[in-house]
PDB file of all heavy atoms in Angstrom:
ATOM      1  N   LYS A   1      37.650  75.187 -78.400  1.00  0.00           N
ATOM      2  CA  LYS A   1      38.286  75.190 -77.073  1.00  0.00           C
ATOM      3  C   LYS A   1      37.289  74.633 -76.074  1.00  0.00           C
ATOM      4  O   LYS A   1      36.170  75.130 -75.932  1.00  0.00           O
ATOM      5  CB  LYS A   1      38.703  76.601 -76.679  1.00  0.00           C
ATOM      6  CG  LYS A   1      39.781  77.187 -77.541  1.00  0.00           C
ATOM      7  CD  LYS A   1      40.168  78.574 -77.053  1.00  0.00           C
ATOM      8  CE  LYS A   1      41.296  79.188 -77.925  1.00  0.00           C
ATOM      9  NZ  LYS A   1      41.656  80.539 -77.466  1.00  0.00           N
ATOM     10  N   ARG A   2      37.680  73.583 -75.362  1.00  0.00           N
ATOM     11  CA  ARG A   2      36.818  72.972 -74.376  1.00  0.00           C
ATOM     12  C   ARG A   2      37.148  73.502 -72.977  1.00  0.00           C
ATOM     13  O   ARG A   2      38.317  73.729 -72.669  1.00  0.00           O
ATOM     14  CB  ARG A   2      36.959  71.443 -74.375  1.00  0.00           C
ATOM     15  CG  ARG A   2      36.393  70.789 -75.649  1.00  0.00           C
ATOM     16  CD  ARG A   2      36.356  69.280 -75.498  1.00  0.00           C
ATOM     17  NE  ARG A   2      35.670  68.692 -76.651  1.00  0.00           N
ATOM     18  CZ  ARG A   2      34.332  68.538 -76.706  1.00  0.00           C
ATOM     19  NH1 ARG A   2      33.577  68.962 -75.707  1.00  0.00           N
ATOM     20  NH2 ARG A   2      33.781  68.010 -77.767  1.00  0.00           N
ATOM     21  N   ARG A   3      36.111  73.642 -72.172  1.00  0.00           N
ATOM     22  CA  ARG A   3      36.328  74.081 -70.785  1.00  0.00           C
ATOM     23  C   ARG A   3      37.030  73.011 -69.968  1.00  0.00           C
ATOM     24  O   ARG A   3      37.808  73.301 -69.055  1.00  0.00           O
ATOM     25  CB  ARG A   3      34.967  74.470 -70.144  1.00  0.00           C
ATOM     26  CG  ARG A   3      34.348  75.699 -70.801  1.00  0.00           C
ATOM     27  CD  ARG A   3      33.056  76.056 -70.134  1.00  0.00           C
ATOM     28  NE  ARG A   3      32.451  77.229 -70.742  1.00  0.00           N
ATOM     29  CZ  ARG A   3      31.285  77.760 -70.365  1.00  0.00           C
ATOM     30  NH1 ARG A   3      30.590  77.184 -69.377  1.00  0.00           N
ATOM     31  NH2 ARG A   3      30.803  78.831 -70.978  1.00  0.00           N
ATOM     32  N   LYS A   4      36.722  71.762 -70.278  1.00  0.00           N
ATOM     33  CA  LYS A   4      37.427  70.662 -69.609  1.00  0.00           C
ATOM     34  C   LYS A   4      37.700  69.565 -70.645  1.00  0.00           C
ATOM     35  O   LYS A   4      36.891  69.398 -71.586  1.00  0.00           O
ATOM     36  CB  LYS A   4      36.654  70.118 -68.441  1.00  0.00           C
ATOM     37  CG  LYS A   4      35.316  69.493 -68.781  1.00  0.00           C
ATOM     38  CD  LYS A   4      34.640  68.924 -67.527  1.00  0.00           C
ATOM     39  CE  LYS A   4      33.335  68.229 -67.868  1.00  0.00           C
ATOM     40  NZ  LYS A   4      32.699  67.635 -66.654  1.00  0.00           N
ATOM     41  N   PRO A   5      38.759  68.838 -70.496  1.00  0.00           N
ATOM     42  CA  PRO A   5      39.104  67.816 -71.500  1.00  0.00           C
ATOM     43  C   PRO A   5      38.042  66.708 -71.576  1.00  0.00           C
ATOM     44  O   PRO A   5      37.413  66.379 -70.552  1.00  0.00           O
ATOM     45  CB  PRO A   5      40.429  67.255 -71.000  1.00  0.00           C
ATOM     46  CG  PRO A   5      40.970  68.308 -70.093  1.00  0.00           C
ATOM     47  CD  PRO A   5      39.783  68.964 -69.467  1.00  0.00           C
ATOM     48  N   ARG A   6      37.836  66.151 -72.770  1.00  0.00           N
ATOM     49  CA  ARG A   6      36.951  65.021 -72.954  1.00  0.00           C
ATOM     50  C   ARG A   6      37.637  63.760 -72.390  1.00  0.00           C
ATOM     51  O   ARG A   6      38.859  63.679 -72.320  1.00  0.00           O
ATOM     52  CB  ARG A   6      36.687  64.792 -74.430  1.00  0.00           C
ATOM     53  CG  ARG A   6      35.723  65.724 -75.063  1.00  0.00           C
ATOM     54  CD  ARG A   6      35.758  65.587 -76.596  1.00  0.00           C
ATOM     55  NE  ARG A   6      35.916  64.212 -77.022  1.00  0.00           N
ATOM     56  CZ  ARG A   6      34.917  63.349 -77.174  1.00  0.00           C
ATOM     57  NH1 ARG A   6      33.686  63.737 -76.892  1.00  0.00           N
ATOM     58  NH2 ARG A   6      35.127  62.111 -77.578  1.00  0.00           N
ATOM     59  N   ALA A   7      36.812  62.786 -72.040  1.00  0.00           N
ATOM     60  CA  ALA A   7      37.348  61.470 -71.742  1.00  0.00           C
ATOM     61  C   ALA A   7      37.590  60.755 -73.051  1.00  0.00           C
ATOM     62  O   ALA A   7      36.649  60.492 -73.805  1.00  0.00           O
ATOM     63  CB  ALA A   7      36.349  60.688 -70.881  1.00  0.00           C
ATOM     64  N   SER A   8      38.844  60.504 -73.392  1.00  0.00           N
ATOM     65  CA  SER A   8      39.154  59.857 -74.670  1.00  0.00           C
ATOM     66  C   SER A   8      40.439  59.039 -74.545  1.00  0.00           C
ATOM     67  O   SER A   8      41.495  59.590 -74.225  1.00  0.00           O
ATOM     68  CB  SER A   8      39.292  60.885 -75.763  1.00  0.00           C
ATOM     69  OG  SER A   8      39.497  60.265 -77.013  1.00  0.00           O
ATOM     70  N   GLU A   9      40.327  57.764 -74.783  1.00  0.00           N
ATOM     71  CA  GLU A   9      41.464  56.853 -74.716  1.00  0.00           C
ATOM     72  C   GLU A   9      42.024  56.596 -76.128  1.00  0.00           C
ATOM     73  O   GLU A   9      41.975  55.499 -76.649  1.00  0.00           O
ATOM     74  CB  GLU A   9      41.054  55.555 -74.038  1.00  0.00           C
ATOM     75  CG  GLU A   9      40.560  55.773 -72.626  1.00  0.00           C
ATOM     76  CD  GLU A   9      40.022  54.513 -71.961  1.00  0.00           C
ATOM     77  OE1 GLU A   9      38.827  54.216 -72.156  1.00  0.00           O
ATOM     78  OE2 GLU A   9      40.805  53.811 -71.271  1.00  0.00           O
ATOM     79  N   GLU A  10      42.541  57.669 -76.728  1.00  0.00           N
ATOM     80  CA  GLU A  10      42.949  57.623 -78.124  1.00  0.00           C
ATOM     81  C   GLU A  10      44.169  56.759 -78.368  1.00  0.00           C
ATOM     82  O   GLU A  10      44.478  56.446 -79.512  1.00  0.00           O
ATOM     83  CB  GLU A  10      43.172  59.037 -78.656  1.00  0.00           C
ATOM     84  CG  GLU A  10      41.884  59.848 -78.763  1.00  0.00           C
ATOM     85  CD  GLU A  10      42.127  61.253 -79.296  1.00  0.00           C
ATOM     86  OE1 GLU A  10      43.187  61.466 -79.925  1.00  0.00           O
ATOM     87  OE2 GLU A  10      41.284  62.132 -79.038  1.00  0.00           O
ATOM     88  N   LYS A  11      44.831  56.353 -77.319  1.00  0.00           N
ATOM     89  CA  LYS A  11      45.967  55.437 -77.514  1.00  0.00           C
ATOM     90  C   LYS A  11      45.498  54.046 -77.887  1.00  0.00           C
ATOM     91  O   LYS A  11      46.280  53.249 -78.388  1.00  0.00           O
ATOM     92  CB  LYS A  11      46.825  55.374 -76.242  1.00  0.00           C
ATOM     93  CG  LYS A  11      47.576  56.672 -75.945  1.00  0.00           C
ATOM     94  CD  LYS A  11      48.463  56.528 -74.719  1.00  0.00           C
ATOM     95  CE  LYS A  11      49.220  57.824 -74.443  1.00  0.00           C
ATOM     96  NZ  LYS A  11      50.101  57.697 -73.251  1.00  0.00           N
ATOM     97  N   LYS A  12      44.227  53.772 -77.644  1.00  0.00           N
ATOM     98  CA  LYS A  12      43.695  52.448 -77.984  1.00  0.00           C
ATOM     99  C   LYS A  12      43.258  52.466 -79.447  1.00  0.00           C
ATOM    100  O   LYS A  12      42.750  53.441 -79.978  1.00  0.00           O
ATOM    101  CB  LYS A  12      42.495  52.132 -77.082  1.00  0.00           C
ATOM    102  CG  LYS A  12      42.914  51.981 -75.613  1.00  0.00           C
ATOM    103  CD  LYS A  12      41.819  51.496 -74.739  1.00  0.00           C
ATOM    104  CE  LYS A  12      42.285  51.271 -73.305  1.00  0.00           C
ATOM    105  NZ  LYS A  12      41.207  50.773 -72.424  1.00  0.00           N
ATOM    106  N   GLY A  13      43.449  51.323 -80.115  1.00  0.00           N
ATOM    107  CA  GLY A  13      43.251  51.243 -81.565  1.00  0.00           C
ATOM    108  C   GLY A  13      41.848  51.518 -82.019  1.00  0.00           C
ATOM    109  O   GLY A  13      41.648  51.997 -83.149  1.00  0.00           O
ATOM    110  N   ALA A  14      40.838  51.247 -81.189  1.00  0.00           N
ATOM    111  CA  ALA A  14      39.450  51.419 -81.635  1.00  0.00           C
ATOM    112  C   ALA A  14      38.900  52.806 -81.350  1.00  0.00           C
ATOM    113  O   ALA A  14      37.731  53.068 -81.697  1.00  0.00           O
ATOM    114  CB  ALA A  14      38.549  50.390 -80.950  1.00  0.00           C
ATOM    115  N   VAL A  15      39.695  53.691 -80.776  1.00  0.00           N
ATOM    116  CA  VAL A  15      39.216  55.035 -80.415  1.00  0.00           C
ATOM    117  C   VAL A  15      39.846  56.066 -81.349  1.00  0.00           C
ATOM    118  O   VAL A  15      41.067  56.185 -81.469  1.00  0.00           O
ATOM    119  CB  VAL A  15      39.561  55.384 -78.968  1.00  0.00           C
ATOM    120  CG1 VAL A  15      39.046  56.786 -78.606  1.00  0.00           C
ATOM    121  CG2 VAL A  15      38.970  54.348 -78.029  1.00  0.00           C
ATOM    122  N   PHE A  16      38.989  56.815 -82.055  1.00  0.00           N
ATOM    123  CA  PHE A  16      39.439  57.799 -83.037  1.00  0.00           C
ATOM    124  C   PHE A  16      39.455  59.199 -82.427  1.00  0.00           C
ATOM    125  O   PHE A  16      38.739  59.475 -81.449  1.00  0.00           O
ATOM    126  CB  PHE A  16      38.538  57.762 -84.264  1.00  0.00           C
ATOM    127  CG  PHE A  16      38.726  56.582 -85.140  1.00  0.00           C
ATOM    128  CD1 PHE A  16      38.194  55.346 -84.792  1.00  0.00           C
ATOM    129  CD2 PHE A  16      39.434  56.674 -86.341  1.00  0.00           C
ATOM    130  CE1 PHE A  16      38.367  54.225 -85.604  1.00  0.00           C
ATOM    131  CE2 PHE A  16      39.629  55.570 -87.139  1.00  0.00           C
ATOM    132  CZ  PHE A  16      39.101  54.334 -86.777  1.00  0.00           C
ATOM    133  N   SER A  17      40.234  60.073 -83.002  1.00  0.00           N
ATOM    134  CA  SER A  17      40.330  61.455 -82.474  1.00  0.00           C
ATOM    135  C   SER A  17      39.062  62.243 -82.806  1.00  0.00           C
ATOM    136  O   SER A  17      38.365  61.957 -83.771  1.00  0.00           O
ATOM    137  CB  SER A  17      41.546  62.160 -83.093  1.00  0.00           C
ATOM    138  OG  SER A  17      41.318  62.497 -84.420  1.00  0.00           O
ATOM    139  N   GLU A  18      38.819  63.216 -81.981  1.00  0.00           N
ATOM    140  CA  GLU A  18      37.651  64.085 -82.194  1.00  0.00           C
ATOM    141  C   GLU A  18      37.789  64.851 -83.510  1.00  0.00           C
ATOM    142  O   GLU A  18      36.792  65.065 -84.225  1.00  0.00           O
ATOM    143  CB  GLU A  18      37.523  65.054 -81.031  1.00  0.00           C
ATOM    144  CG  GLU A  18      36.246  65.884 -81.091  1.00  0.00           C
ATOM    145  CD  GLU A  18      36.090  66.769 -79.883  1.00  0.00           C
ATOM    146  OE1 GLU A  18      37.134  67.150 -79.266  1.00  0.00           O
ATOM    147  OE2 GLU A  18      34.950  67.075 -79.520  1.00  0.00           O
ATOM    148  N   ASP A  19      38.994  65.225 -83.902  1.00  0.00           N
ATOM    149  CA  ASP A  19      39.184  65.974 -85.138  1.00  0.00           C
ATOM    150  C   ASP A  19      38.778  65.140 -86.362  1.00  0.00           C
ATOM    151  O   ASP A  19      38.249  65.671 -87.315  1.00  0.00           O
ATOM    152  CB  ASP A  19      40.645  66.416 -85.267  1.00  0.00           C
ATOM    153  CG  ASP A  19      41.001  67.547 -84.343  1.00  0.00           C
ATOM    154  OD1 ASP A  19      40.079  68.199 -83.842  1.00  0.00           O
ATOM    155  OD2 ASP A  19      42.204  67.791 -84.117  1.00  0.00           O
ATOM    156  N   VAL A  20      39.063  63.840 -86.327  1.00  0.00           N
ATOM    157  CA  VAL A  20      38.698  62.966 -87.434  1.00  0.00           C
ATOM    158  C   VAL A  20      37.182  62.925 -87.591  1.00  0.00           C
ATOM    159  O   VAL A  20      36.629  63.023 -88.707  1.00  0.00           O
ATOM    160  CB  VAL A  20      39.252  61.534 -87.198  1.00  0.00           C
ATOM    161  CG1 VAL A  20      38.569  60.521 -88.127  1.00  0.00           C
ATOM    162  CG2 VAL A  20      40.753  61.510 -87.453  1.00  0.00           C
ATOM    163  N   VAL A  21      36.448  62.802 -86.494  1.00  0.00           N
ATOM    164  CA  VAL A  21      34.998  62.734 -86.532  1.00  0.00           C
ATOM    165  C   VAL A  21      34.417  64.104 -86.916  1.00  0.00           C
ATOM    166  O   VAL A  21      33.426  64.173 -87.667  1.00  0.00           O
ATOM    167  CB  VAL A  21      34.424  62.246 -85.193  1.00  0.00           C
ATOM    168  CG1 VAL A  21      32.897  62.140 -85.237  1.00  0.00           C
ATOM    169  CG2 VAL A  21      35.044  60.912 -84.797  1.00  0.00           C
ATOM    170  N   ARG A  22      35.007  65.153 -86.421  1.00  0.00           N
ATOM    171  CA  ARG A  22      34.561  66.498 -86.769  1.00  0.00           C
ATOM    172  C   ARG A  22      34.625  66.705 -88.283  1.00  0.00           C
ATOM    173  O   ARG A  22      33.680  67.200 -88.898  1.00  0.00           O
ATOM    174  CB  ARG A  22      35.441  67.520 -86.068  1.00  0.00           C
ATOM    175  CG  ARG A  22      35.042  68.985 -86.262  1.00  0.00           C
ATOM    176  CD  ARG A  22      36.083  69.892 -85.618  1.00  0.00           C
ATOM    177  NE  ARG A  22      35.585  71.240 -85.431  1.00  0.00           N
ATOM    178  CZ  ARG A  22      35.640  72.194 -86.355  1.00  0.00           C
ATOM    179  NH1 ARG A  22      36.130  71.890 -87.562  1.00  0.00           N
ATOM    180  NH2 ARG A  22      35.171  73.399 -86.121  1.00  0.00           N
ATOM    181  N   SER A  23      35.736  66.333 -88.874  1.00  0.00           N
ATOM    182  CA  SER A  23      35.911  66.474 -90.303  1.00  0.00           C
ATOM    183  C   SER A  23      34.896  65.607 -91.070  1.00  0.00           C
ATOM    184  O   SER A  23      34.325  66.054 -92.085  1.00  0.00           O
ATOM    185  CB  SER A  23      37.328  66.066 -90.727  1.00  0.00           C
ATOM    186  OG  SER A  23      37.525  66.142 -92.100  1.00  0.00           O
ATOM    187  N   ALA A  24      34.656  64.401 -90.580  1.00  0.00           N
ATOM    188  CA  ALA A  24      33.682  63.502 -91.220  1.00  0.00           C
ATOM    189  C   ALA A  24      32.292  64.101 -91.168  1.00  0.00           C
ATOM    190  O   ALA A  24      31.512  64.024 -92.141  1.00  0.00           O
ATOM    191  CB  ALA A  24      33.709  62.140 -90.566  1.00  0.00           C
ATOM    192  N   PHE A  25      31.905  64.688 -90.020  1.00  0.00           N
ATOM    193  CA  PHE A  25      30.618  65.338 -89.910  1.00  0.00           C
ATOM    194  C   PHE A  25      30.429  66.411 -90.970  1.00  0.00           C
ATOM    195  O   PHE A  25      29.400  66.467 -91.675  1.00  0.00           O
ATOM    196  CB  PHE A  25      30.422  65.937 -88.502  1.00  0.00           C
ATOM    197  CG  PHE A  25      29.366  67.011 -88.478  1.00  0.00           C
ATOM    198  CD1 PHE A  25      28.038  66.706 -88.656  1.00  0.00           C
ATOM    199  CD2 PHE A  25      29.723  68.350 -88.313  1.00  0.00           C
ATOM    200  CE1 PHE A  25      27.041  67.700 -88.638  1.00  0.00           C
ATOM    201  CE2 PHE A  25      28.774  69.354 -88.291  1.00  0.00           C
ATOM    202  CZ  PHE A  25      27.426  69.031 -88.460  1.00  0.00           C
ATOM    203  N   ILE A  26      31.410  67.276 -91.106  1.00  0.00           N
ATOM    204  CA  ILE A  26      31.313  68.365 -92.078  1.00  0.00           C
ATOM    205  C   ILE A  26      31.141  67.811 -93.483  1.00  0.00           C
ATOM    206  O   ILE A  26      30.327  68.309 -94.282  1.00  0.00           O
ATOM    207  CB  ILE A  26      32.579  69.255 -91.987  1.00  0.00           C
ATOM    208  CG1 ILE A  26      32.600  70.022 -90.655  1.00  0.00           C
ATOM    209  CG2 ILE A  26      32.641  70.232 -93.156  1.00  0.00           C
ATOM    210  CD1 ILE A  26      33.898  70.765 -90.394  1.00  0.00           C
ATOM    211  N   LYS A  27      31.873  66.765 -93.811  1.00  0.00           N
ATOM    212  CA  LYS A  27      31.814  66.205 -95.176  1.00  0.00           C
ATOM    213  C   LYS A  27      30.525  65.438 -95.434  1.00  0.00           C
ATOM    214  O   LYS A  27      29.955  65.543 -96.535  1.00  0.00           O
ATOM    215  CB  LYS A  27      33.041  65.308 -95.420  1.00  0.00           C
ATOM    216  CG  LYS A  27      34.328  66.133 -95.496  1.00  0.00           C
ATOM    217  CD  LYS A  27      35.573  65.281 -95.449  1.00  0.00           C
ATOM    218  CE  LYS A  27      36.832  66.133 -95.462  1.00  0.00           C
ATOM    219  NZ  LYS A  27      38.056  65.336 -95.255  1.00  0.00           N
ATOM    220  N   PHE A  28      30.042  64.686 -94.464  1.00  0.00           N
ATOM    221  CA  PHE A  28      28.757  64.009 -94.648  1.00  0.00           C
ATOM    222  C   PHE A  28      27.636  65.023 -94.789  1.00  0.00           C
ATOM    223  O   PHE A  28      26.736  64.838 -95.628  1.00  0.00           O
ATOM    224  CB  PHE A  28      28.467  63.072 -93.456  1.00  0.00           C
ATOM    225  CG  PHE A  28      28.992  61.678 -93.619  1.00  0.00           C
ATOM    226  CD1 PHE A  28      30.072  61.228 -92.891  1.00  0.00           C
ATOM    227  CD2 PHE A  28      28.375  60.786 -94.507  1.00  0.00           C
ATOM    228  CE1 PHE A  28      30.547  59.939 -93.051  1.00  0.00           C
ATOM    229  CE2 PHE A  28      28.844  59.500 -94.668  1.00  0.00           C
ATOM    230  CZ  PHE A  28      29.935  59.073 -93.931  1.00  0.00           C
ATOM    231  N   HIS A  29      27.661  66.071 -94.002  1.00  0.00           N
ATOM    232  CA  HIS A  29      26.608  67.076 -94.089  1.00  0.00           C
ATOM    233  C   HIS A  29      26.684  67.819 -95.432  1.00  0.00           C
ATOM    234  O   HIS A  29      25.648  68.027 -96.081  1.00  0.00           O
ATOM    235  CB  HIS A  29      26.774  68.084 -92.942  1.00  0.00           C
ATOM    236  CG  HIS A  29      25.887  69.271 -93.051  1.00  0.00           C
ATOM    237  ND1 HIS A  29      24.498  69.171 -92.981  1.00  0.00           N
ATOM    238  CD2 HIS A  29      26.153  70.603 -93.243  1.00  0.00           C
ATOM    239  CE1 HIS A  29      23.981  70.368 -93.136  1.00  0.00           C
ATOM    240  NE2 HIS A  29      24.945  71.233 -93.287  1.00  0.00           N
ATOM    241  N   TYR A  30      27.881  68.181 -95.844  1.00  0.00           N
ATOM    242  CA  TYR A  30      28.057  68.853 -97.135  1.00  0.00           C
ATOM    243  C   TYR A  30      27.464  68.019 -98.263  1.00  0.00           C
ATOM    244  O   TYR A  30      26.703  68.496 -99.104  1.00  0.00           O
ATOM    245  CB  TYR A  30      29.551  69.097 -97.347  1.00  0.00           C
ATOM    246  CG  TYR A  30      29.923  69.823 -98.611  1.00  0.00           C
ATOM    247  CD1 TYR A  30      30.163  71.174 -98.601  1.00  0.00           C
ATOM    248  CD2 TYR A  30      30.032  69.151 -99.837  1.00  0.00           C
ATOM    249  CE1 TYR A  30      30.505  71.876 -99.769  1.00  0.00           C
ATOM    250  CE2 TYR A  30      30.383  69.818-100.979  1.00  0.00           C
ATOM    251  CZ  TYR A  30      30.635  71.152-100.950  1.00  0.00           C
ATOM    252  OH  TYR A  30      30.961  71.835-102.121  1.00  0.00           O
ATOM    253  N   ASN A  31      27.822  66.730 -98.270  1.00  0.00           N
ATOM    254  CA  ASN A  31      27.360  65.853 -99.359  1.00  0.00           C
ATOM    255  C   ASN A  31      25.837  65.733 -99.355  1.00  0.00           C
ATOM    256  O   ASN A  31      25.208  65.700-100.419  1.00  0.00           O
ATOM    257  CB  ASN A  31      27.994  64.478 -99.184  1.00  0.00           C
ATOM    258  CG  ASN A  31      27.589  63.520-100.309  1.00  0.00           C
ATOM    259  OD1 ASN A  31      27.911  63.699-101.473  1.00  0.00           O
ATOM    260  ND2 ASN A  31      26.853  62.465 -99.927  1.00  0.00           N
ATOM    261  N   ALA A  32      25.229  65.638 -98.157  1.00  0.00           N
ATOM    262  CA  ALA A  32      23.802  65.419 -98.080  1.00  0.00           C
ATOM    263  C   ALA A  32      22.987  66.584 -98.627  1.00  0.00           C
ATOM    264  O   ALA A  32      21.862  66.388 -99.141  1.00  0.00           O
ATOM    265  CB  ALA A  32      23.385  65.161 -96.618  1.00  0.00           C
ATOM    266  N   ILE A  33      23.527  67.782 -98.564  1.00  0.00           N
ATOM    267  CA  ILE A  33      22.796  68.964 -99.037  1.00  0.00           C
ATOM    268  C   ILE A  33      22.850  69.096-100.554  1.00  0.00           C
ATOM    269  O   ILE A  33      21.974  69.713-101.184  1.00  0.00           O
ATOM    270  CB  ILE A  33      23.362  70.239 -98.375  1.00  0.00           C
ATOM    271  CG1 ILE A  33      23.221  70.139 -96.860  1.00  0.00           C
ATOM    272  CG2 ILE A  33      22.636  71.495 -98.860  1.00  0.00           C
ATOM    273  CD1 ILE A  33      21.818  69.980 -96.343  1.00  0.00           C
ATOM    274  N   LEU A  34      23.856  68.525-101.191  1.00  0.00           N
ATOM    275  CA  LEU A  34      23.993  68.645-102.644  1.00  0.00           C
ATOM    276  C   LEU A  34      22.820  67.977-103.364  1.00  0.00           C
ATOM    277  O   LEU A  34      22.229  67.016-102.843  1.00  0.00           O
ATOM    278  CB  LEU A  34      25.288  67.973-103.105  1.00  0.00           C
ATOM    279  CG  LEU A  34      26.588  68.625-102.624  1.00  0.00           C
ATOM    280  CD1 LEU A  34      27.786  67.787-103.042  1.00  0.00           C
ATOM    281  CD2 LEU A  34      26.742  70.048-103.136  1.00  0.00           C
ATOM    282  N   PRO A  35      22.469  68.459-104.562  1.00  0.00           N
ATOM    283  CA  PRO A  35      21.387  67.812-105.307  1.00  0.00           C
ATOM    284  C   PRO A  35      21.776  66.457-105.874  1.00  0.00           C
ATOM    285  O   PRO A  35      22.975  66.197-106.097  1.00  0.00           O
ATOM    286  CB  PRO A  35      21.107  68.798-106.442  1.00  0.00           C
ATOM    287  CG  PRO A  35      22.411  69.499-106.648  1.00  0.00           C
ATOM    288  CD  PRO A  35      23.045  69.596-105.261  1.00  0.00           C
ATOM    289  N   GLY A  36      20.799  65.553-106.053  1.00  0.00           N
ATOM    290  CA  GLY A  36      21.029  64.305-106.723  1.00  0.00           C
ATOM    291  C   GLY A  36      21.268  64.538-108.194  1.00  0.00           C
ATOM    292  O   GLY A  36      21.041  65.629-108.722  1.00  0.00           O
ATOM    293  N   LYS A  37      21.716  63.487-108.911  1.00  0.00           N
ATOM    294  CA  LYS A  37      22.100  63.652-110.293  1.00  0.00           C
ATOM    295  C   LYS A  37      20.938  64.063-111.189  1.00  0.00           C
ATOM    296  O   LYS A  37      21.119  64.722-112.214  1.00  0.00           O
ATOM    297  CB  LYS A  37      22.724  62.367-110.828  1.00  0.00           C
ATOM    298  CG  LYS A  37      21.809  61.177-110.866  1.00  0.00           C
ATOM    299  CD  LYS A  37      22.514  59.954-111.454  1.00  0.00           C
ATOM    300  CE  LYS A  37      21.599  58.748-111.519  1.00  0.00           C
ATOM    301  NZ  LYS A  37      22.262  57.579-112.139  1.00  0.00           N
ATOM    302  N   ASP A  38      19.689  63.734-110.804  1.00  0.00           N
ATOM    303  CA  ASP A  38      18.534  64.095-111.620  1.00  0.00           C
ATOM    304  C   ASP A  38      17.752  65.275-111.059  1.00  0.00           C
ATOM    305  O   ASP A  38      16.687  65.643-111.554  1.00  0.00           O
ATOM    306  CB  ASP A  38      17.592  62.883-111.740  1.00  0.00           C
ATOM    307  CG  ASP A  38      18.242  61.706-112.453  1.00  0.00           C
ATOM    308  OD1 ASP A  38      19.018  61.961-113.393  1.00  0.00           O
ATOM    309  OD2 ASP A  38      18.009  60.540-112.051  1.00  0.00           O
ATOM    310  N   ASP A  39      18.286  65.878-109.974  1.00  0.00           N
ATOM    311  CA  ASP A  39      17.617  67.019-109.357  1.00  0.00           C
ATOM    312  C   ASP A  39      17.983  68.323-110.061  1.00  0.00           C
ATOM    313  O   ASP A  39      19.057  68.420-110.664  1.00  0.00           O
ATOM    314  CB  ASP A  39      17.990  67.122-107.874  1.00  0.00           C
ATOM    315  CG  ASP A  39      17.489  65.938-107.065  1.00  0.00           C
ATOM    316  OD1 ASP A  39      16.535  65.281-107.511  1.00  0.00           O
ATOM    317  OD2 ASP A  39      18.066  65.684-105.994  1.00  0.00           O
ATOM    318  N   PRO A  40      17.135  69.348-109.921  1.00  0.00           N
ATOM    319  CA  PRO A  40      17.511  70.677-110.403  1.00  0.00           C
ATOM    320  C   PRO A  40      18.760  71.149-109.650  1.00  0.00           C
ATOM    321  O   PRO A  40      18.980  70.795-108.498  1.00  0.00           O
ATOM    322  CB  PRO A  40      16.298  71.541-110.064  1.00  0.00           C
ATOM    323  CG  PRO A  40      15.178  70.586-109.846  1.00  0.00           C
ATOM    324  CD  PRO A  40      15.769  69.299-109.352  1.00  0.00           C
ATOM    325  N   LYS A  41      19.573  71.965-110.299  1.00  0.00           N
ATOM    326  CA  LYS A  41      20.806  72.481-109.687  1.00  0.00           C
ATOM    327  C   LYS A  41      20.560  73.895-109.181  1.00  0.00           C
ATOM    328  O   LYS A  41      20.566  74.848-109.944  1.00  0.00           O
ATOM    329  CB  LYS A  41      21.949  72.454-110.709  1.00  0.00           C
ATOM    330  CG  LYS A  41      22.187  71.104-111.362  1.00  0.00           C
ATOM    331  CD  LYS A  41      22.581  70.047-110.350  1.00  0.00           C
ATOM    332  CE  LYS A  41      23.010  68.735-110.990  1.00  0.00           C
ATOM    333  NZ  LYS A  41      21.894  68.032-111.647  1.00  0.00           N
ATOM    334  N   PRO A  42      20.343  74.056-107.843  1.00  0.00           N
ATOM    335  CA  PRO A  42      20.087  75.399-107.299  1.00  0.00           C
ATOM    336  C   PRO A  42      21.298  76.308-107.529  1.00  0.00           C
ATOM    337  O   PRO A  42      22.460  75.865-107.463  1.00  0.00           O
ATOM    338  CB  PRO A  42      19.899  75.114-105.810  1.00  0.00           C
ATOM    339  CG  PRO A  42      19.495  73.684-105.732  1.00  0.00           C
ATOM    340  CD  PRO A  42      20.212  73.013-106.840  1.00  0.00           C
ATOM    341  N   ALA A  43      21.005  77.584-107.771  1.00  0.00           N
ATOM    342  CA  ALA A  43      22.077  78.540-108.088  1.00  0.00           C
ATOM    343  C   ALA A  43      22.991  78.798-106.906  1.00  0.00           C
ATOM    344  O   ALA A  43      24.148  79.189-107.077  1.00  0.00           O
ATOM    345  CB  ALA A  43      21.447  79.860-108.556  1.00  0.00           C
ATOM    346  N   ASP A  44      22.510  78.571-105.662  1.00  0.00           N
ATOM    347  CA  ASP A  44      23.329  78.886-104.499  1.00  0.00           C
ATOM    348  C   ASP A  44      24.155  77.702-104.001  1.00  0.00           C
ATOM    349  O   ASP A  44      24.871  77.804-103.008  1.00  0.00           O
ATOM    350  CB  ASP A  44      22.447  79.407-103.364  1.00  0.00           C
ATOM    351  CG  ASP A  44      21.432  78.377-102.869  1.00  0.00           C
ATOM    352  OD1 ASP A  44      21.128  77.422-103.649  1.00  0.00           O
ATOM    353  OD2 ASP A  44      20.919  78.520-101.748  1.00  0.00           O
TER     354      ASP A  44
END
């Protein structure tokens, strides 16, 4: 919940919604923490 609306011209083709970027952030971060294929696999 925002105290005031963001400036966002989402009707324009080159401007993406905040929800799309939010989801991408979570997924990029998730992937970066995972071990590489040759790394040890932490139990957690």
